Amino acid sequence: MGVVTKLKQFVGDEGELYECRNCGEKFDHEPEACSTCGSTEIAHYEF
């Protein structure tokens, strides 16, 4: 199974994923800071 296929399973049909660059926590919305580690470095991916 490819990476894109796995990501689509996680994010569904929305086609967006937000991920903390520090700890890798994933979000379905853009947080101001990571709720796990507090980092404000959040990556945004669109599919």
N, C-alpha and C. Protein backbone atom coordinates (compact mmCIF):
# COMPACT_ATOMS: atom_id res chain seq x y z
N MET A 1 0.86 -1.18 0.00
CA MET A 1 0.00 0.00 0.00
C MET A 1 0.90 1.23 0.00
N GLY A 2 0.59 2.19 -0.87
CA GLY A 2 1.40 3.39 -1.01
C GLY A 2 1.11 4.43 0.06
N VAL A 3 2.01 5.37 0.18
CA VAL A 3 1.89 6.44 1.17
C VAL A 3 0.64 7.28 0.92
N VAL A 4 0.39 7.63 -0.34
CA VAL A 4 -0.78 8.46 -0.66
C VAL A 4 -2.06 7.73 -0.30
N THR A 5 -2.12 6.43 -0.56
CA THR A 5 -3.30 5.64 -0.22
C THR A 5 -3.53 5.64 1.29
N LYS A 6 -2.48 5.48 2.06
CA LYS A 6 -2.61 5.50 3.52
C LYS A 6 -3.06 6.87 4.01
N LEU A 7 -2.51 7.93 3.45
CA LEU A 7 -2.91 9.28 3.85
C LEU A 7 -4.36 9.55 3.51
N LYS A 8 -4.81 9.08 2.35
CA LYS A 8 -6.21 9.26 1.97
C LYS A 8 -7.14 8.54 2.94
N GLN A 9 -6.71 7.39 3.46
CA GLN A 9 -7.51 6.67 4.45
C GLN A 9 -7.61 7.49 5.73
N PHE A 10 -6.54 8.17 6.09
CA PHE A 10 -6.54 8.97 7.32
C PHE A 10 -7.37 10.23 7.16
N VAL A 11 -7.20 10.95 6.07
CA VAL A 11 -7.88 12.23 5.90
C VAL A 11 -9.22 12.13 5.21
N GLY A 12 -9.54 10.99 4.63
CA GLY A 12 -10.82 10.83 3.95
C GLY A 12 -10.84 11.57 2.63
N ASP A 13 -12.01 12.06 2.26
CA ASP A 13 -12.17 12.74 0.97
C ASP A 13 -11.80 14.22 1.01
N GLU A 14 -11.48 14.73 2.17
CA GLU A 14 -11.19 16.16 2.29
C GLU A 14 -9.93 16.56 1.54
N GLY A 15 -8.91 15.72 1.54
CA GLY A 15 -7.70 16.00 0.80
C GLY A 15 -6.74 16.95 1.48
N GLU A 16 -6.87 17.14 2.79
CA GLU A 16 -5.95 18.01 3.53
C GLU A 16 -5.47 17.30 4.79
N LEU A 17 -4.25 17.60 5.17
CA LEU A 17 -3.69 17.04 6.39
C LEU A 17 -2.77 18.08 7.01
N TYR A 18 -2.87 18.25 8.30
CA TYR A 18 -1.98 19.12 9.06
C TYR A 18 -1.16 18.21 9.97
N GLU A 19 0.15 18.48 10.04
CA GLU A 19 1.03 17.62 10.81
C GLU A 19 2.09 18.45 11.52
N CYS A 20 2.31 18.15 12.77
CA CYS A 20 3.34 18.84 13.55
C CYS A 20 4.71 18.43 13.01
N ARG A 21 5.54 19.42 12.69
CA ARG A 21 6.88 19.13 12.18
C ARG A 21 7.82 18.64 13.28
N ASN A 22 7.46 18.87 14.52
CA ASN A 22 8.31 18.47 15.63
C ASN A 22 8.07 17.02 16.06
N CYS A 23 6.80 16.66 16.32
CA CYS A 23 6.52 15.34 16.86
C CYS A 23 5.72 14.42 15.93
N GLY A 24 5.19 14.97 14.83
CA GLY A 24 4.46 14.14 13.88
C GLY A 24 2.98 13.97 14.16
N GLU A 25 2.46 14.61 15.20
CA GLU A 25 1.02 14.53 15.49
C GLU A 25 0.23 15.05 14.30
N LYS A 26 -0.88 14.38 13.98
CA LYS A 26 -1.69 14.75 12.82
C LYS A 26 -3.00 15.38 13.26
N PHE A 27 -3.49 16.35 12.46
CA PHE A 27 -4.71 17.08 12.77
C PHE A 27 -5.58 17.19 11.52
N ASP A 28 -6.89 17.30 11.71
CA ASP A 28 -7.79 17.50 10.57
C ASP A 28 -8.13 18.97 10.38
N HIS A 29 -7.57 19.83 11.21
CA HIS A 29 -7.75 21.28 11.12
C HIS A 29 -6.40 21.93 11.45
N GLU A 30 -6.26 23.20 11.17
CA GLU A 30 -4.99 23.88 11.44
C GLU A 30 -4.97 24.42 12.86
N PRO A 31 -4.21 23.80 13.75
CA PRO A 31 -4.12 24.31 15.11
C PRO A 31 -3.12 25.47 15.19
N GLU A 32 -3.26 26.30 16.20
CA GLU A 32 -2.27 27.37 16.41
C GLU A 32 -0.96 26.77 16.91
N ALA A 33 -1.08 25.70 17.70
CA ALA A 33 0.09 25.00 18.23
C ALA A 33 -0.28 23.53 18.41
N CYS A 34 0.71 22.67 18.39
CA CYS A 34 0.49 21.24 18.57
C CYS A 34 0.02 20.97 20.00
N SER A 35 -1.05 20.21 20.12
CA SER A 35 -1.58 19.90 21.45
C SER A 35 -0.73 18.87 22.18
N THR A 36 0.18 18.20 21.46
CA THR A 36 1.03 17.19 22.08
C THR A 36 2.34 17.79 22.60
N CYS A 37 3.03 18.58 21.75
CA CYS A 37 4.35 19.08 22.14
C CYS A 37 4.43 20.60 22.26
N GLY A 38 3.38 21.31 21.79
CA GLY A 38 3.37 22.77 21.91
C GLY A 38 4.04 23.52 20.76
N SER A 39 4.60 22.80 19.80
CA SER A 39 5.26 23.45 18.67
C SER A 39 4.26 24.21 17.81
N THR A 40 4.72 25.32 17.24
CA THR A 40 3.87 26.08 16.32
C THR A 40 4.25 25.80 14.86
N GLU A 41 5.18 24.88 14.64
CA GLU A 41 5.60 24.49 13.29
C GLU A 41 4.66 23.40 12.79
N ILE A 42 3.61 23.80 12.06
CA ILE A 42 2.61 22.88 11.55
C ILE A 42 2.68 22.85 10.02
N ALA A 43 2.88 21.66 9.47
CA ALA A 43 2.90 21.48 8.02
C ALA A 43 1.48 21.28 7.51
N HIS A 44 1.23 21.74 6.27
CA HIS A 44 -0.09 21.60 5.64
C HIS A 44 0.09 20.91 4.31
N TYR A 45 -0.58 19.78 4.13
CA TYR A 45 -0.51 19.01 2.88
C TYR A 45 -1.88 18.98 2.23
N GLU A 46 -1.91 19.15 0.91
CA GLU A 46 -3.15 19.05 0.14
C GLU A 46 -2.97 17.92 -0.87
N PHE A 47 -4.02 17.12 -1.04
CA PHE A 47 -3.97 15.98 -1.97
C PHE A 47 -4.94 16.21 -3.09
